[in-house]
Amino acid sequence: MADAVLKNENIDYSIVVPVYCNEGSLEDLYIKIQSDVVQQNGSKSYEIIFIDDGSHDASLEKILDLKKQNPTHIKIIKFSRNFGQVPAILAGYEHAKGNCIINISADLQDPPRLINQMLNSFYDENFDIVISYRKSRDESLFRKFTSQIFYWMMKKLSFPDMPAGGFDFILISKRVKNCILISNESNPFLQGKVLWPGFKKKFIPYDREKRISGKSKWSLSKKIKYLIDGIMGYSYLPLRLMTLIGIIISFLGFAYALIITFLKIFGDIPIQGWAPIMIIILILSGIQMLMLGIIGEYLWRALDQVRNRPQYIIDKIFD
């Protein structure tokens, strides 16, 4: 039955797995998906889409071996190089045929068994978006701290409903997928794309498990860049802060000019030395450079958007 359904391109659910140097966990992930999800939903048709995001280890060979075991239900998309996790997920969305799509990481830190609850929320409770968010994580104190700062800033600046622990384990309906794909942003922020449309959503907490193999490729520099993408893409607060700071500095400057004028007319102007002048110059110069940097961030993103380069290039599809 499932094979016939696949040929008609009417699939109940698609599982999208971005892969970047995850050779050590791919087979275990596939086994868990089969035992914890597929066998628990025998009446539903499915597909698993692996996106090889320019891996330089044996990840592609691993997923090709998995496809030999299950050629009907596994699709592989190979990028020409590494484009990043979000473009890989978007490529999976674009090629998914399911009535709902779940993206899950390949490192087994997100438990596949949770997909059953997500599917029930979609089919039985009619939620268009089901977000599994991290209430705890088995990681270093530094990674926990930086992640907390990251998502706290996103919650305060752009998305009030952003979970404190963040999320990237998501189920979306087909119409949410269409809304996400129609917006061709050059520097996409996936969580923002999911939260912004405003469809009915459900939040499911879980404890993120310890990585069983390999190291995280989610470096501090990538986190900072992703944070800036989220703020610049969904908030005008930086520009408004620049305006506010400019007004405050202008007011203080005019007030200081009036004080100097008053002292010039009615008394001597005390000479305090060059230190206060240098402090003022350095502070104002720092503020100006910061403002130029913020403007530059918006400008290069606008330039990136105008160039309209593809977010990823597909080298080959194994279907």
Protein backbone atom coordinates (compact mmCIF):
# COMPACT_ATOMS: atom_id res chain seq x y z
CA MET A 1 0.00 0.00 0.00
CA ALA A 2 2.74 2.44 0.97
CA ASP A 3 4.59 1.89 -2.34
CA ALA A 4 1.42 2.62 -4.33
CA VAL A 5 0.83 5.76 -2.33
CA LEU A 6 4.40 6.90 -2.98
CA LYS A 7 3.92 6.54 -6.72
CA ASN A 8 0.86 8.81 -6.51
CA GLU A 9 2.96 11.37 -4.66
CA ASN A 10 0.46 11.47 -1.80
CA ILE A 11 2.50 10.83 1.33
CA ASP A 12 1.33 11.20 4.91
CA TYR A 13 4.60 12.49 6.34
CA SER A 14 8.11 13.35 5.19
CA ILE A 15 11.17 13.33 7.45
CA VAL A 16 13.91 15.75 6.41
CA VAL A 17 17.44 15.10 7.73
CA PRO A 18 20.23 17.61 6.98
CA VAL A 19 23.57 15.79 7.02
CA TYR A 20 27.01 17.33 7.49
CA CYS A 21 29.78 14.99 8.59
CA ASN A 22 27.48 12.71 10.62
CA GLU A 23 28.80 9.34 9.50
CA GLY A 24 28.88 8.00 13.07
CA SER A 25 25.18 8.47 13.84
CA LEU A 26 23.33 7.99 10.55
CA GLU A 27 22.73 4.24 10.79
CA ASP A 28 21.54 4.48 14.40
CA LEU A 29 19.26 7.38 13.44
CA TYR A 30 17.71 5.36 10.62
CA ILE A 31 17.17 2.34 12.90
CA LYS A 32 15.47 4.53 15.50
CA ILE A 33 13.24 6.17 12.89
CA GLN A 34 12.19 2.75 11.64
CA SER A 35 11.53 1.25 15.08
CA ASP A 36 10.22 4.31 16.95
CA VAL A 37 8.26 6.03 14.18
CA VAL A 38 7.60 4.00 11.03
CA GLN A 39 6.55 0.81 12.82
CA GLN A 40 4.37 2.82 15.21
CA ASN A 41 2.55 4.44 12.28
CA GLY A 42 2.11 1.46 9.98
CA SER A 43 -1.03 2.84 8.33
CA LYS A 44 0.70 6.03 7.26
CA SER A 45 2.96 6.38 4.22
CA TYR A 46 6.30 8.11 4.62
CA GLU A 47 9.54 9.19 3.04
CA ILE A 48 12.95 10.08 4.49
CA ILE A 49 14.94 12.78 2.72
CA PHE A 50 18.65 13.00 3.52
CA ILE A 51 20.43 16.17 2.36
CA ASP A 52 24.20 15.80 2.16
CA ASP A 53 25.44 19.34 2.83
CA GLY A 54 28.92 18.96 1.36
CA SER A 55 30.15 16.40 3.90
CA HIS A 56 33.87 15.60 3.70
CA ASP A 57 33.61 12.29 5.56
CA ALA A 58 31.79 9.05 4.67
CA SER A 59 28.30 10.43 5.33
CA LEU A 60 27.18 10.18 1.69
CA GLU A 61 28.35 6.57 1.47
CA LYS A 62 26.43 5.79 4.67
CA ILE A 63 23.14 7.19 3.41
CA LEU A 64 23.63 5.53 0.01
CA ASP A 65 23.95 2.21 1.88
CA LEU A 66 20.73 3.02 3.76
CA LYS A 67 18.99 3.73 0.46
CA LYS A 68 20.01 0.29 -0.81
CA GLN A 69 18.21 -1.17 2.20
CA ASN A 70 15.07 0.90 1.61
CA PRO A 71 15.12 2.31 -1.94
CA THR A 72 11.41 3.14 -2.08
CA HIS A 73 11.20 5.41 0.93
CA ILE A 74 14.60 7.12 1.00
CA LYS A 75 15.59 10.08 -1.16
CA ILE A 76 19.07 11.62 -1.11
CA ILE A 77 19.92 15.18 -2.18
CA LYS A 78 23.62 15.95 -2.58
CA PHE A 79 24.79 19.58 -2.50
CA SER A 80 27.75 20.69 -4.60
CA ARG A 81 29.39 22.07 -1.42
CA ASN A 82 28.56 23.05 2.15
CA PHE A 83 25.78 25.66 2.16
CA GLY A 84 24.62 25.33 5.77
CA GLN A 85 21.94 23.62 7.82
CA VAL A 86 19.08 25.99 6.99
CA PRO A 87 19.52 25.78 3.18
CA ALA A 88 19.68 21.98 3.57
CA ILE A 89 16.38 21.96 5.47
CA LEU A 90 14.78 24.26 2.88
CA ALA A 91 15.94 21.95 0.08
CA GLY A 92 14.31 19.06 1.94
CA TYR A 93 11.09 21.07 2.28
CA GLU A 94 11.08 21.86 -1.43
CA HIS A 95 11.39 18.20 -2.43
CA ALA A 96 9.11 16.78 0.29
CA LYS A 97 5.79 15.31 -0.80
CA GLY A 98 4.24 14.72 2.61
CA ASN A 99 1.07 16.27 3.99
CA CYS A 100 3.34 17.28 6.86
CA ILE A 101 7.11 17.56 7.07
CA ILE A 102 9.34 16.96 10.09
CA ASN A 103 12.96 18.06 10.12
CA ILE A 104 15.26 16.40 12.61
CA SER A 105 19.01 16.66 13.21
CA ALA A 106 21.26 13.78 12.18
CA ASP A 107 23.24 13.63 15.42
CA LEU A 108 20.55 11.83 17.50
CA GLN A 109 20.32 14.66 20.02
CA ASP A 110 16.65 15.02 19.06
CA PRO A 111 14.74 11.82 19.96
CA PRO A 112 12.93 10.37 16.91
CA ARG A 113 10.22 8.85 19.18
CA LEU A 114 8.90 12.38 19.71
CA ILE A 115 7.76 12.40 16.07
CA ASN A 116 4.80 10.20 17.08
CA GLN A 117 3.48 12.92 19.39
CA MET A 118 4.08 15.51 16.69
CA LEU A 119 2.14 13.47 14.13
CA ASN A 120 -0.74 13.04 16.59
CA SER A 121 -0.81 16.80 17.16
CA PHE A 122 -1.03 17.35 13.41
CA TYR A 123 -3.55 14.66 12.45
CA ASP A 124 -5.72 14.50 15.60
CA GLU A 125 -5.52 18.08 16.91
CA ASN A 126 -5.12 19.95 13.57
CA PHE A 127 -2.03 21.96 14.48
CA ASP A 128 -0.25 23.37 11.42
CA ILE A 129 2.99 23.80 13.35
CA VAL A 130 4.35 21.54 16.08
CA ILE A 131 7.52 22.80 17.73
CA SER A 132 9.59 20.52 19.94
CA TYR A 133 11.71 22.86 22.02
CA ARG A 134 14.68 22.12 24.24
CA LYS A 135 13.94 22.52 27.96
CA SER A 136 17.40 21.17 28.82
CA ARG A 137 20.52 20.05 26.98
CA ASP A 138 23.49 17.83 27.82
CA GLU A 139 26.21 20.23 26.66
CA SER A 140 29.05 22.31 28.08
CA LEU A 141 28.31 25.32 30.28
CA PHE A 142 29.68 27.64 27.59
CA ARG A 143 27.36 26.26 24.90
CA LYS A 144 24.40 26.40 27.28
CA PHE A 145 25.19 30.00 28.20
CA THR A 146 25.64 31.22 24.62
CA SER A 147 22.43 29.46 23.53
CA GLN A 148 20.48 31.03 26.40
CA ILE A 149 21.77 34.50 25.45
CA PHE A 150 20.98 33.85 21.79
CA TYR A 151 17.35 32.84 22.29
CA TRP A 152 16.76 35.42 25.04
CA MET A 153 17.74 38.16 22.60
CA MET A 154 15.55 36.68 19.86
CA LYS A 155 12.60 36.53 22.27
CA LYS A 156 13.08 40.15 23.37
CA LEU A 157 13.87 41.67 19.98
CA SER A 158 11.90 39.71 17.39
CA PHE A 159 9.65 36.84 18.55
CA PRO A 160 7.83 36.97 21.92
CA ASP A 161 6.75 33.33 21.52
CA MET A 162 10.29 32.05 20.98
CA PRO A 163 10.93 29.22 23.52
CA ALA A 164 13.73 29.97 25.97
CA GLY A 165 15.70 26.90 24.90
CA GLY A 166 15.21 27.47 21.19
CA PHE A 167 14.15 24.87 18.65
CA ASP A 168 15.00 23.27 15.32
CA PHE A 169 12.97 20.02 15.64
CA ILE A 170 9.76 20.99 13.87
CA LEU A 171 6.67 19.62 12.14
CA ILE A 172 4.96 21.87 9.61
CA SER A 173 1.92 21.36 7.38
CA LYS A 174 2.04 21.61 3.61
CA ARG A 175 0.54 25.11 3.61
CA VAL A 176 3.13 26.33 6.13
CA LYS A 177 5.81 24.83 3.90
CA ASN A 178 4.46 26.79 0.94
CA CYS A 179 4.54 30.02 2.98
CA ILE A 180 8.15 29.37 3.97
CA LEU A 181 9.32 28.55 0.46
CA ILE A 182 7.60 31.49 -1.22
CA SER A 183 9.78 33.86 0.82
CA ASN A 184 13.16 33.60 -0.87
CA GLU A 185 15.34 35.36 1.70
CA SER A 186 19.06 35.45 1.02
CA ASN A 187 19.95 35.00 4.71
CA PRO A 188 17.07 32.94 6.10
CA PHE A 189 16.32 32.53 9.80
CA LEU A 190 14.39 29.25 9.96
CA GLN A 191 12.73 29.75 13.35
CA GLY A 192 11.50 33.14 12.18
CA LYS A 193 10.10 31.64 8.99
CA VAL A 194 8.16 29.12 11.10
CA LEU A 195 6.85 31.57 13.73
CA TRP A 196 6.12 34.57 11.47
CA PRO A 197 3.09 33.27 9.45
CA GLY A 198 0.99 32.93 12.64
CA PHE A 199 -0.60 29.54 11.97
CA LYS A 200 -1.92 27.43 14.83
CA LYS A 201 1.06 26.01 16.70
CA LYS A 202 1.79 23.65 19.56
CA PHE A 203 4.91 23.50 21.74
CA ILE A 204 6.28 20.21 23.08
CA PRO A 205 9.21 20.30 25.56
CA TYR A 206 11.93 17.66 25.57
CA ASP A 207 15.39 17.04 27.00
CA ARG A 208 18.05 17.22 24.33
CA GLU A 209 20.24 14.14 24.50
CA LYS A 210 24.01 13.90 24.47
CA ARG A 211 25.74 13.69 21.11
CA ILE A 212 26.85 10.09 20.52
CA SER A 213 29.54 10.82 17.94
CA GLY A 214 31.35 13.68 16.27
CA LYS A 215 31.48 17.33 17.27
CA SER A 216 28.99 20.13 16.77
CA LYS A 217 29.69 22.30 13.71
CA TRP A 218 27.54 25.07 15.23
CA SER A 219 30.41 27.41 16.17
CA LEU A 220 30.17 30.68 18.09
CA SER A 221 30.75 32.71 14.90
CA LYS A 222 27.86 30.87 13.20
CA LYS A 223 25.63 31.56 16.19
CA ILE A 224 26.45 35.26 16.08
CA LYS A 225 25.80 35.43 12.34
CA TYR A 226 22.51 33.55 12.76
CA LEU A 227 21.49 35.87 15.61
CA ILE A 228 22.16 38.91 13.43
CA ASP A 229 20.14 37.30 10.59
CA GLY A 230 17.19 36.85 12.95
CA ILE A 231 17.33 40.40 14.31
CA MET A 232 17.95 42.12 10.98
CA GLY A 233 15.36 40.03 9.17
CA TYR A 234 12.49 40.51 11.62
CA SER A 235 13.19 43.66 13.65
CA TYR A 236 13.75 47.35 12.96
CA LEU A 237 14.89 47.91 16.54
CA PRO A 238 18.59 48.48 15.65
CA LEU A 239 17.67 51.31 13.27
CA ARG A 240 15.26 52.83 15.77
CA LEU A 241 17.91 52.66 18.49
CA MET A 242 20.29 54.51 16.17
CA THR A 243 17.70 57.25 15.73
CA LEU A 244 17.09 57.45 19.47
CA ILE A 245 20.81 57.57 20.28
CA GLY A 246 21.28 60.27 17.65
CA ILE A 247 18.50 62.38 19.19
CA ILE A 248 19.94 61.99 22.70
CA ILE A 249 23.49 62.89 21.61
CA SER A 250 22.21 65.88 19.62
CA PHE A 251 20.25 67.11 22.64
CA LEU A 252 23.29 66.75 24.90
CA GLY A 253 25.47 68.51 22.34
CA PHE A 254 23.09 71.47 22.06
CA ALA A 255 22.81 71.65 25.85
CA TYR A 256 26.58 71.66 26.23
CA ALA A 257 26.90 74.34 23.54
CA LEU A 258 24.43 76.55 25.45
CA ILE A 259 26.42 76.05 28.66
CA ILE A 260 29.67 77.07 26.94
CA THR A 261 27.97 80.09 25.36
CA PHE A 262 26.57 81.13 28.73
CA LEU A 263 29.99 80.80 30.40
CA LYS A 264 31.65 82.74 27.58
CA ILE A 265 29.26 85.65 27.97
CA PHE A 266 29.00 85.78 31.75
CA GLY A 267 32.32 84.40 32.92
CA ASP A 268 35.54 82.65 32.12
CA ILE A 269 35.54 79.21 30.53
CA PRO A 270 37.60 76.95 32.79
CA ILE A 271 40.36 75.00 31.04
CA GLN A 272 40.16 71.36 32.19
CA GLY A 273 42.80 69.87 29.90
CA TRP A 274 42.63 67.58 26.90
CA ALA A 275 41.44 64.40 28.68
CA PRO A 276 37.68 65.23 28.70
CA ILE A 277 37.86 66.27 25.04
CA MET A 278 39.58 63.00 24.06
CA ILE A 279 37.04 60.95 26.01
CA ILE A 280 34.16 62.68 24.23
CA ILE A 281 35.81 62.24 20.83
CA LEU A 282 36.50 58.55 21.43
CA ILE A 283 32.98 57.85 22.69
CA LEU A 284 31.33 59.68 19.80
CA SER A 285 33.64 58.00 17.29
CA GLY A 286 32.81 54.58 18.74
CA ILE A 287 29.08 55.28 18.52
CA GLN A 288 29.44 56.47 14.93
CA MET A 289 31.38 53.33 13.93
CA LEU A 290 28.78 51.14 15.63
CA MET A 291 26.00 52.90 13.72
CA LEU A 292 27.90 52.54 10.44
CA GLY A 293 28.29 48.84 11.19
CA ILE A 294 24.54 48.42 11.75
CA ILE A 295 23.78 50.27 8.51
CA GLY A 296 26.35 48.09 6.75
CA GLU A 297 24.66 44.91 8.00
CA TYR A 298 21.34 46.03 6.50
CA LEU A 299 23.00 47.20 3.27
CA TRP A 300 24.90 44.00 2.53
CA ARG A 301 21.80 41.95 3.25
CA ALA A 302 19.86 44.11 0.81
CA LEU A 303 22.68 43.65 -1.74
CA ASP A 304 22.63 39.90 -1.14
CA GLN A 305 18.88 39.86 -1.74
CA VAL A 306 19.15 41.91 -4.96
CA ARG A 307 21.78 39.54 -6.33
CA ASN A 308 19.22 36.73 -5.93
CA ARG A 309 21.80 33.97 -5.80
CA PRO A 310 20.43 30.48 -5.07
CA GLN A 311 20.64 29.43 -1.44
CA TYR A 312 22.04 26.07 -2.48
CA ILE A 313 23.15 24.15 -5.55
CA ILE A 314 22.15 20.52 -5.96
CA ASP A 315 24.83 18.30 -7.43
CA LYS A 316 22.73 15.14 -7.65
CA ILE A 317 19.47 13.63 -6.48
CA PHE A 318 19.26 9.90 -5.71
CA ASP A 319 15.55 9.13 -6.02
